Amino acid sequence: MLRTPTGGAVTGTATADDRPMSIGTVLLRLRDEFPEVTISKIRFLEAEGLVEPQRTPSGYRKFRSADVERLSQVLRMQRDHYLPLKVIREHLDALARGEQSALPATGGVRELVGGRETEPGRTVARIGRAELLAAAGVGESDLDEWESYGLVAPTAEGGYDAEMVTVAKLVADLGRFGLEPRHLRAMRAAADREAGLIEQVVAPLRRHRNPQTRAHAEATAKELAELSVRLHSALVQTALGIRLH
């Protein structure tokens, strides 16, 4: 029996009319909850052993309702918990065997990031190059070009921070309007300057002896980042309004 990531039984998915589905039909079903999923992503999850659709004699994939539910669970755990695919696969396989398997914790772990340890309870999720390519729906040459312009960068330990998925998707979306990586260098430089300003504000808090003050530094940095993004958006829209009228 398939179970949800929290261990409960899956209900309300399979129906009496459980006819095989094409990968295109699966994509349409998943996009209600996961609008950014692509066929490349589904194929990648299959290659990683997260789902095993049937194959017709001619090689076409045929999915069942249980396959769609499993894909939903995988995508949900990636989105909500930033779990590595290996951990997700092991967790779901254990549940499929009827074993008790709690959802792996994403907090309370100290990780080394850039040579320093993060605060307890804070995790840094990382993904591999293949996962980033699949999520953004681009090829190796595109990612190489983005990296050459500093738009996307791997961590010192290898792999990419989960936030790089958002960056890669946005760069890809802008590219569809003809904006090339060389056009986006100014945005990268502006982001670095804004980050520098925020760091100046929170640096004294991070160096404070009081643990609560240090914890407050992270919340302050997040709030300042959100305000900075809102200001940037407002300034761009204002500038466009002036120029277009």
C-alpha atoms as a PDB file:
ATOM      1  CA  MET A   1       0.000   0.000   0.000  1.00  0.00           C
ATOM      2  CA  LEU A   2       1.275   3.439  -0.847  1.00  0.00           C
ATOM      3  CA  ARG A   3       1.466   5.863   2.045  1.00  0.00           C
ATOM      4  CA  THR A   4       1.810   9.581   2.372  1.00  0.00           C
ATOM      5  CA  PRO A   5       5.126  11.119   3.502  1.00  0.00           C
ATOM      6  CA  THR A   6       3.742  11.237   7.063  1.00  0.00           C
ATOM      7  CA  GLY A   7       2.962   7.537   7.026  1.00  0.00           C
ATOM      8  CA  GLY A   8      -0.784   7.618   6.380  1.00  0.00           C
ATOM      9  CA  ALA A   9      -2.414   5.472   3.742  1.00  0.00           C
ATOM     10  CA  VAL A  10      -3.050   7.041   0.370  1.00  0.00           C
ATOM     11  CA  THR A  11      -6.744   7.311  -0.390  1.00  0.00           C
ATOM     12  CA  GLY A  12      -8.877   8.885  -3.048  1.00  0.00           C
ATOM     13  CA  THR A  13      -6.284   8.569  -5.836  1.00  0.00           C
ATOM     14  CA  ALA A  14      -6.791   5.220  -7.523  1.00  0.00           C
ATOM     15  CA  THR A  15     -10.131   4.679  -9.229  1.00  0.00           C
ATOM     16  CA  ALA A  16     -11.860   1.766 -10.843  1.00  0.00           C
ATOM     17  CA  ASP A  17     -10.989   3.341 -14.178  1.00  0.00           C
ATOM     18  CA  ASP A  18      -7.219   3.088 -13.729  1.00  0.00           C
ATOM     19  CA  ARG A  19      -6.294   3.115 -17.374  1.00  0.00           C
ATOM     20  CA  PRO A  20      -2.636   3.638 -18.354  1.00  0.00           C
ATOM     21  CA  MET A  21      -1.686   7.278 -18.941  1.00  0.00           C
ATOM     22  CA  SER A  22       0.861   8.877 -21.227  1.00  0.00           C
ATOM     23  CA  ILE A  23       3.553  11.104 -19.795  1.00  0.00           C
ATOM     24  CA  GLY A  24       1.697  14.116 -21.206  1.00  0.00           C
ATOM     25  CA  THR A  25      -1.451  13.190 -19.266  1.00  0.00           C
ATOM     26  CA  VAL A  26       0.622  12.740 -16.102  1.00  0.00           C
ATOM     27  CA  LEU A  27       2.107  16.199 -16.632  1.00  0.00           C
ATOM     28  CA  LEU A  28      -1.372  17.754 -16.828  1.00  0.00           C
ATOM     29  CA  ARG A  29      -2.440  16.021 -13.607  1.00  0.00           C
ATOM     30  CA  LEU A  30       0.652  17.114 -11.714  1.00  0.00           C
ATOM     31  CA  ARG A  31       0.570  20.726 -12.852  1.00  0.00           C
ATOM     32  CA  ASP A  32      -2.484  21.541 -10.740  1.00  0.00           C
ATOM     33  CA  GLU A  33      -0.258  21.329  -7.657  1.00  0.00           C
ATOM     34  CA  PHE A  34       3.157  21.664  -9.293  1.00  0.00           C
ATOM     35  CA  PRO A  35       2.823  24.223 -12.108  1.00  0.00           C
ATOM     36  CA  GLU A  36       6.563  24.277 -12.823  1.00  0.00           C
ATOM     37  CA  VAL A  37       6.978  20.529 -13.389  1.00  0.00           C
ATOM     38  CA  THR A  38       8.117  19.505 -16.881  1.00  0.00           C
ATOM     39  CA  ILE A  39       8.300  16.301 -18.890  1.00  0.00           C
ATOM     40  CA  SER A  40      12.086  16.464 -18.507  1.00  0.00           C
ATOM     41  CA  LYS A  41      11.636  16.493 -14.734  1.00  0.00           C
ATOM     42  CA  ILE A  42       9.387  13.415 -14.837  1.00  0.00           C
ATOM     43  CA  ARG A  43      11.894  11.582 -17.027  1.00  0.00           C
ATOM     44  CA  PHE A  44      14.695  12.565 -14.681  1.00  0.00           C
ATOM     45  CA  LEU A  45      12.795  11.222 -11.649  1.00  0.00           C
ATOM     46  CA  GLU A  46      12.243   7.983 -13.550  1.00  0.00           C
ATOM     47  CA  ALA A  47      15.960   7.740 -14.352  1.00  0.00           C
ATOM     48  CA  GLU A  48      16.701   8.237 -10.633  1.00  0.00           C
ATOM     49  CA  GLY A  49      14.440   5.308  -9.725  1.00  0.00           C
ATOM     50  CA  LEU A  50      11.697   7.389  -8.090  1.00  0.00           C
ATOM     51  CA  VAL A  51       9.003   5.964 -10.350  1.00  0.00           C
ATOM     52  CA  GLU A  52       8.859   2.939 -12.667  1.00  0.00           C
ATOM     53  CA  PRO A  53       6.145   3.265 -15.329  1.00  0.00           C
ATOM     54  CA  GLN A  54       5.290   0.349 -17.554  1.00  0.00           C
ATOM     55  CA  ARG A  55       6.633   0.285 -21.098  1.00  0.00           C
ATOM     56  CA  THR A  56       4.754  -0.703 -24.232  1.00  0.00           C
ATOM     57  CA  PRO A  57       6.482  -3.022 -26.741  1.00  0.00           C
ATOM     58  CA  SER A  58       7.369   0.095 -28.736  1.00  0.00           C
ATOM     59  CA  GLY A  59       8.953   1.721 -25.671  1.00  0.00           C
ATOM     60  CA  TYR A  60       6.304   4.274 -24.711  1.00  0.00           C
ATOM     61  CA  ARG A  61       5.831   4.990 -20.998  1.00  0.00           C
ATOM     62  CA  LYS A  62       2.486   4.113 -19.453  1.00  0.00           C
ATOM     63  CA  PHE A  63       1.724   5.437 -15.971  1.00  0.00           C
ATOM     64  CA  ARG A  64      -0.906   4.330 -13.472  1.00  0.00           C
ATOM     65  CA  SER A  65      -2.636   6.378 -10.784  1.00  0.00           C
ATOM     66  CA  ALA A  66      -0.222   4.975  -8.201  1.00  0.00           C
ATOM     67  CA  ASP A  67       2.685   6.326 -10.269  1.00  0.00           C
ATOM     68  CA  VAL A  68       1.108   9.786 -10.325  1.00  0.00           C
ATOM     69  CA  GLU A  69       0.605   9.674  -6.550  1.00  0.00           C
ATOM     70  CA  ARG A  70       4.216   8.634  -6.011  1.00  0.00           C
ATOM     71  CA  LEU A  71       5.456  11.462  -8.247  1.00  0.00           C
ATOM     72  CA  SER A  72       3.299  13.873  -6.270  1.00  0.00           C
ATOM     73  CA  GLN A  73       4.868  12.661  -3.034  1.00  0.00           C
ATOM     74  CA  VAL A  74       8.365  13.077  -4.443  1.00  0.00           C
ATOM     75  CA  LEU A  75       7.701  16.594  -5.720  1.00  0.00           C
ATOM     76  CA  ARG A  76       5.998  17.541  -2.453  1.00  0.00           C
ATOM     77  CA  MET A  77       8.943  16.387  -0.342  1.00  0.00           C
ATOM     78  CA  GLN A  78      11.362  18.223  -2.607  1.00  0.00           C
ATOM     79  CA  ARG A  79       9.313  21.411  -2.446  1.00  0.00           C
ATOM     80  CA  ASP A  80       8.386  21.377   1.240  1.00  0.00           C
ATOM     81  CA  HIS A  81      11.375  19.660   2.847  1.00  0.00           C
ATOM     82  CA  TYR A  82      14.265  20.022   0.360  1.00  0.00           C
ATOM     83  CA  LEU A  83      15.143  16.368   0.822  1.00  0.00           C
ATOM     84  CA  PRO A  84      17.714  14.719  -1.490  1.00  0.00           C
ATOM     85  CA  LEU A  85      16.257  12.304  -4.024  1.00  0.00           C
ATOM     86  CA  LYS A  86      18.165   9.381  -2.509  1.00  0.00           C
ATOM     87  CA  VAL A  87      16.552  10.005   0.871  1.00  0.00           C
ATOM     88  CA  ILE A  88      13.109  10.399  -0.705  1.00  0.00           C
ATOM     89  CA  ARG A  89      13.488   7.158  -2.664  1.00  0.00           C
ATOM     90  CA  GLU A  90      14.575   5.182   0.396  1.00  0.00           C
ATOM     91  CA  HIS A  91      11.743   6.640   2.460  1.00  0.00           C
ATOM     92  CA  LEU A  92       9.033   5.820  -0.095  1.00  0.00           C
ATOM     93  CA  ASP A  93      10.445   2.369  -0.819  1.00  0.00           C
ATOM     94  CA  ALA A  94      10.356   1.566   2.897  1.00  0.00           C
ATOM     95  CA  LEU A  95       6.723   2.667   3.110  1.00  0.00           C
ATOM     96  CA  ALA A  96       5.852   0.584   0.022  1.00  0.00           C
ATOM     97  CA  ARG A  97       7.312  -2.475   1.792  1.00  0.00           C
ATOM     98  CA  GLY A  98       5.023  -1.819   4.734  1.00  0.00           C
ATOM     99  CA  GLU A  99       7.829  -0.673   7.021  1.00  0.00           C
ATOM    100  CA  GLN A 100       7.479   2.127   9.543  1.00  0.00           C
ATOM    101  CA  SER A 101       9.461   5.048   8.191  1.00  0.00           C
ATOM    102  CA  ALA A 102       9.194   8.538   9.615  1.00  0.00           C
ATOM    103  CA  LEU A 103       9.798  11.457   7.306  1.00  0.00           C
ATOM    104  CA  PRO A 104      13.489  12.362   7.653  1.00  0.00           C
ATOM    105  CA  ALA A 105      14.005  15.502   9.698  1.00  0.00           C
ATOM    106  CA  THR A 106      15.198  18.624   7.943  1.00  0.00           C
ATOM    107  CA  GLY A 107      16.049  20.577  11.086  1.00  0.00           C
ATOM    108  CA  GLY A 108      18.358  20.253  14.059  1.00  0.00           C
ATOM    109  CA  VAL A 109      21.426  19.391  11.979  1.00  0.00           C
ATOM    110  CA  ARG A 110      24.621  21.379  11.942  1.00  0.00           C
ATOM    111  CA  GLU A 111      26.189  21.539   8.504  1.00  0.00           C
ATOM    112  CA  LEU A 112      29.462  22.955   7.266  1.00  0.00           C
ATOM    113  CA  VAL A 113      28.833  25.700   4.735  1.00  0.00           C
ATOM    114  CA  GLY A 114      31.740  27.573   3.211  1.00  0.00           C
ATOM    115  CA  GLY A 115      34.056  26.474   5.996  1.00  0.00           C
ATOM    116  CA  ARG A 116      31.759  27.507   8.849  1.00  0.00           C
ATOM    117  CA  GLU A 117      29.048  25.752  10.781  1.00  0.00           C
ATOM    118  CA  THR A 118      25.452  26.880  10.500  1.00  0.00           C
ATOM    119  CA  GLU A 119      23.280  27.489  13.541  1.00  0.00           C
ATOM    120  CA  PRO A 120      21.488  24.460  15.056  1.00  0.00           C
ATOM    121  CA  GLY A 121      18.119  23.782  13.456  1.00  0.00           C
ATOM    122  CA  ARG A 122      19.142  25.356  10.171  1.00  0.00           C
ATOM    123  CA  THR A 123      19.842  23.120   7.189  1.00  0.00           C
ATOM    124  CA  VAL A 124      21.325  23.924   3.819  1.00  0.00           C
ATOM    125  CA  ALA A 125      19.735  21.881   1.056  1.00  0.00           C
ATOM    126  CA  ARG A 126      21.823  21.097  -1.988  1.00  0.00           C
ATOM    127  CA  ILE A 127      21.038  19.511  -5.315  1.00  0.00           C
ATOM    128  CA  GLY A 128      23.196  18.021  -8.038  1.00  0.00           C
ATOM    129  CA  ARG A 129      23.895  19.397 -11.492  1.00  0.00           C
ATOM    130  CA  ALA A 130      21.525  16.965 -13.195  1.00  0.00           C
ATOM    131  CA  GLU A 131      18.697  17.959 -10.846  1.00  0.00           C
ATOM    132  CA  LEU A 132      19.299  21.647 -11.542  1.00  0.00           C
ATOM    133  CA  LEU A 133      19.264  21.056 -15.300  1.00  0.00           C
ATOM    134  CA  ALA A 134      16.029  19.078 -15.065  1.00  0.00           C
ATOM    135  CA  ALA A 135      14.336  21.651 -12.833  1.00  0.00           C
ATOM    136  CA  ALA A 136      15.254  24.535 -15.143  1.00  0.00           C
ATOM    137  CA  GLY A 137      14.578  22.550 -18.312  1.00  0.00           C
ATOM    138  CA  VAL A 138      17.866  23.562 -19.961  1.00  0.00           C
ATOM    139  CA  GLY A 139      20.985  21.907 -21.311  1.00  0.00           C
ATOM    140  CA  GLU A 140      24.594  21.723 -20.166  1.00  0.00           C
ATOM    141  CA  SER A 141      25.709  24.534 -22.483  1.00  0.00           C
ATOM    142  CA  ASP A 142      23.106  26.916 -21.024  1.00  0.00           C
ATOM    143  CA  LEU A 143      24.234  26.226 -17.466  1.00  0.00           C
ATOM    144  CA  ASP A 144      27.890  26.598 -18.461  1.00  0.00           C
ATOM    145  CA  GLU A 145      27.125  30.032 -19.916  1.00  0.00           C
ATOM    146  CA  TRP A 146      25.170  31.114 -16.826  1.00  0.00           C
ATOM    147  CA  GLU A 147      28.057  30.079 -14.618  1.00  0.00           C
ATOM    148  CA  SER A 148      30.555  31.977 -16.777  1.00  0.00           C
ATOM    149  CA  TYR A 149      28.575  35.175 -16.111  1.00  0.00           C
ATOM    150  CA  GLY A 150      28.212  34.455 -12.393  1.00  0.00           C
ATOM    151  CA  LEU A 151      24.419  34.110 -12.532  1.00  0.00           C
ATOM    152  CA  VAL A 152      24.534  30.553 -11.183  1.00  0.00           C
ATOM    153  CA  ALA A 153      27.348  29.231  -9.029  1.00  0.00           C
ATOM    154  CA  PRO A 154      28.018  25.880  -7.323  1.00  0.00           C
ATOM    155  CA  THR A 155      28.964  25.738  -3.671  1.00  0.00           C
ATOM    156  CA  ALA A 156      32.545  25.207  -2.550  1.00  0.00           C
ATOM    157  CA  GLU A 157      31.617  21.657  -1.530  1.00  0.00           C
ATOM    158  CA  GLY A 158      30.015  20.881  -4.894  1.00  0.00           C
ATOM    159  CA  GLY A 159      26.385  20.894  -5.967  1.00  0.00           C
ATOM    160  CA  TYR A 160      24.048  23.859  -5.786  1.00  0.00           C
ATOM    161  CA  ASP A 161      22.020  25.512  -3.054  1.00  0.00           C
ATOM    162  CA  ALA A 162      18.307  24.855  -3.472  1.00  0.00           C
ATOM    163  CA  GLU A 163      17.719  28.582  -4.084  1.00  0.00           C
ATOM    164  CA  MET A 164      19.751  28.236  -7.292  1.00  0.00           C
ATOM    165  CA  VAL A 165      16.799  26.337  -8.765  1.00  0.00           C
ATOM    166  CA  THR A 166      14.744  29.535  -8.544  1.00  0.00           C
ATOM    167  CA  VAL A 167      17.580  31.556 -10.067  1.00  0.00           C
ATOM    168  CA  ALA A 168      18.021  29.092 -12.930  1.00  0.00           C
ATOM    169  CA  LYS A 169      14.297  29.041 -13.718  1.00  0.00           C
ATOM    170  CA  LEU A 170      14.120  32.836 -13.767  1.00  0.00           C
ATOM    171  CA  VAL A 171      17.175  33.124 -16.011  1.00  0.00           C
ATOM    172  CA  ALA A 172      15.619  30.567 -18.361  1.00  0.00           C
ATOM    173  CA  ASP A 173      12.284  32.443 -18.384  1.00  0.00           C
ATOM    174  CA  LEU A 174      14.003  35.752 -19.141  1.00  0.00           C
ATOM    175  CA  GLY A 175      15.906  34.046 -21.935  1.00  0.00           C
ATOM    176  CA  ARG A 176      12.630  33.285 -23.689  1.00  0.00           C
ATOM    177  CA  PHE A 177      12.185  37.042 -24.089  1.00  0.00           C
ATOM    178  CA  GLY A 178      15.597  37.391 -25.694  1.00  0.00           C
ATOM    179  CA  LEU A 179      17.478  38.482 -22.569  1.00  0.00           C
ATOM    180  CA  GLU A 180      20.852  36.758 -22.650  1.00  0.00           C
ATOM    181  CA  PRO A 181      23.176  36.136 -19.678  1.00  0.00           C
ATOM    182  CA  ARG A 182      25.345  39.107 -20.690  1.00  0.00           C
ATOM    183  CA  HIS A 183      22.273  41.325 -20.299  1.00  0.00           C
ATOM    184  CA  LEU A 184      21.696  40.059 -16.768  1.00  0.00           C
ATOM    185  CA  ARG A 185      25.148  40.839 -15.379  1.00  0.00           C
ATOM    186  CA  ALA A 186      23.867  44.191 -14.116  1.00  0.00           C
ATOM    187  CA  MET A 187      21.191  42.394 -12.073  1.00  0.00           C
ATOM    188  CA  ARG A 188      23.841  40.124 -10.578  1.00  0.00           C
ATOM    189  CA  ALA A 189      25.984  43.118  -9.648  1.00  0.00           C
ATOM    190  CA  ALA A 190      22.993  44.965  -8.148  1.00  0.00           C
ATOM    191  CA  ALA A 191      22.081  41.902  -6.057  1.00  0.00           C
ATOM    192  CA  ASP A 192      25.650  41.678  -4.741  1.00  0.00           C
ATOM    193  CA  ARG A 193      25.563  45.352  -3.740  1.00  0.00           C
ATOM    194  CA  GLU A 194      22.212  44.928  -1.961  1.00  0.00           C
ATOM    195  CA  ALA A 195      23.525  41.856  -0.139  1.00  0.00           C
ATOM    196  CA  GLY A 196      26.547  43.881   0.935  1.00  0.00           C
ATOM    197  CA  LEU A 197      24.336  46.590   2.422  1.00  0.00           C
ATOM    198  CA  ILE A 198      22.293  44.028   4.335  1.00  0.00           C
ATOM    199  CA  GLU A 199      25.472  42.373   5.608  1.00  0.00           C
ATOM    200  CA  GLN A 200      26.669  45.721   6.979  1.00  0.00           C
ATOM    201  CA  VAL A 201      23.480  46.014   9.039  1.00  0.00           C
ATOM    202  CA  VAL A 202      23.426  42.479  10.445  1.00  0.00           C
ATOM    203  CA  ALA A 203      27.172  41.875  10.869  1.00  0.00           C
ATOM    204  CA  PRO A 204      27.300  43.481  14.364  1.00  0.00           C
ATOM    205  CA  LEU A 205      24.325  41.334  15.427  1.00  0.00           C
ATOM    206  CA  ARG A 206      26.005  38.157  14.211  1.00  0.00           C
ATOM    207  CA  ARG A 207      29.116  38.917  16.236  1.00  0.00           C
ATOM    208  CA  HIS A 208      27.161  39.516  19.444  1.00  0.00           C
ATOM    209  CA  ARG A 209      27.774  37.218  22.414  1.00  0.00           C
ATOM    210  CA  ASN A 210      24.075  36.775  23.140  1.00  0.00           C
ATOM    211  CA  PRO A 211      22.711  33.731  21.183  1.00  0.00           C
ATOM    212  CA  GLN A 212      19.278  35.373  20.910  1.00  0.00           C
ATOM    213  CA  THR A 213      20.827  38.443  19.329  1.00  0.00           C
ATOM    214  CA  ARG A 214      22.695  36.246  16.825  1.00  0.00           C
ATOM    215  CA  ALA A 215      19.468  34.435  16.005  1.00  0.00           C
ATOM    216  CA  HIS A 216      17.771  37.807  15.532  1.00  0.00           C
ATOM    217  CA  ALA A 217      20.419  38.645  12.922  1.00  0.00           C
ATOM    218  CA  GLU A 218      19.081  35.936  10.600  1.00  0.00           C
ATOM    219  CA  ALA A 219      15.498  37.173  10.945  1.00  0.00           C
ATOM    220  CA  THR A 220      16.673  40.742  10.337  1.00  0.00           C
ATOM    221  CA  ALA A 221      18.599  39.715   7.223  1.00  0.00           C
ATOM    222  CA  LYS A 222      15.552  37.915   5.830  1.00  0.00           C
ATOM    223  CA  GLU A 223      13.277  40.892   6.480  1.00  0.00           C
ATOM    224  CA  LEU A 224      15.754  43.310   4.898  1.00  0.00           C
ATOM    225  CA  ALA A 225      16.072  41.036   1.865  1.00  0.00           C
ATOM    226  CA  GLU A 226      12.290  40.982   1.408  1.00  0.00           C
ATOM    227  CA  LEU A 227      12.096  44.777   1.705  1.00  0.00           C
ATOM    228  CA  SER A 228      14.951  45.134  -0.780  1.00  0.00           C
ATOM    229  CA  VAL A 229      13.155  42.917  -3.317  1.00  0.00           C
ATOM    230  CA  ARG A 230       9.933  44.912  -2.900  1.00  0.00           C
ATOM    231  CA  LEU A 231      11.763  48.202  -3.329  1.00  0.00           C
ATOM    232  CA  HIS A 232      13.557  46.928  -6.425  1.00  0.00           C
ATOM    233  CA  SER A 233      10.259  45.770  -7.949  1.00  0.00           C
ATOM    234  CA  ALA A 234       8.577  49.105  -7.181  1.00  0.00           C
ATOM    235  CA  LEU A 235      11.462  51.095  -8.667  1.00  0.00           C
ATOM    236  CA  VAL A 236      11.468  49.017 -11.870  1.00  0.00           C
ATOM    237  CA  GLN A 237       7.704  49.371 -12.291  1.00  0.00           C
ATOM    238  CA  THR A 238       7.890  53.095 -11.600  1.00  0.00           C
ATOM    239  CA  ALA A 239      10.665  53.533 -14.154  1.00  0.00           C
ATOM    240  CA  LEU A 240       8.693  51.553 -16.739  1.00  0.00           C
ATOM    241  CA  GLY A 241       5.580  53.627 -16.052  1.00  0.00           C
ATOM    242  CA  ILE A 242       7.504  56.851 -16.613  1.00  0.00           C
ATOM    243  CA  ARG A 243       9.081  55.621 -19.831  1.00  0.00           C
ATOM    244  CA  LEU A 244       5.949  54.057 -21.285  1.00  0.00           C
ATOM    245  CA  HIS A 245       3.770  57.122 -20.800  1.00  0.00           C
END
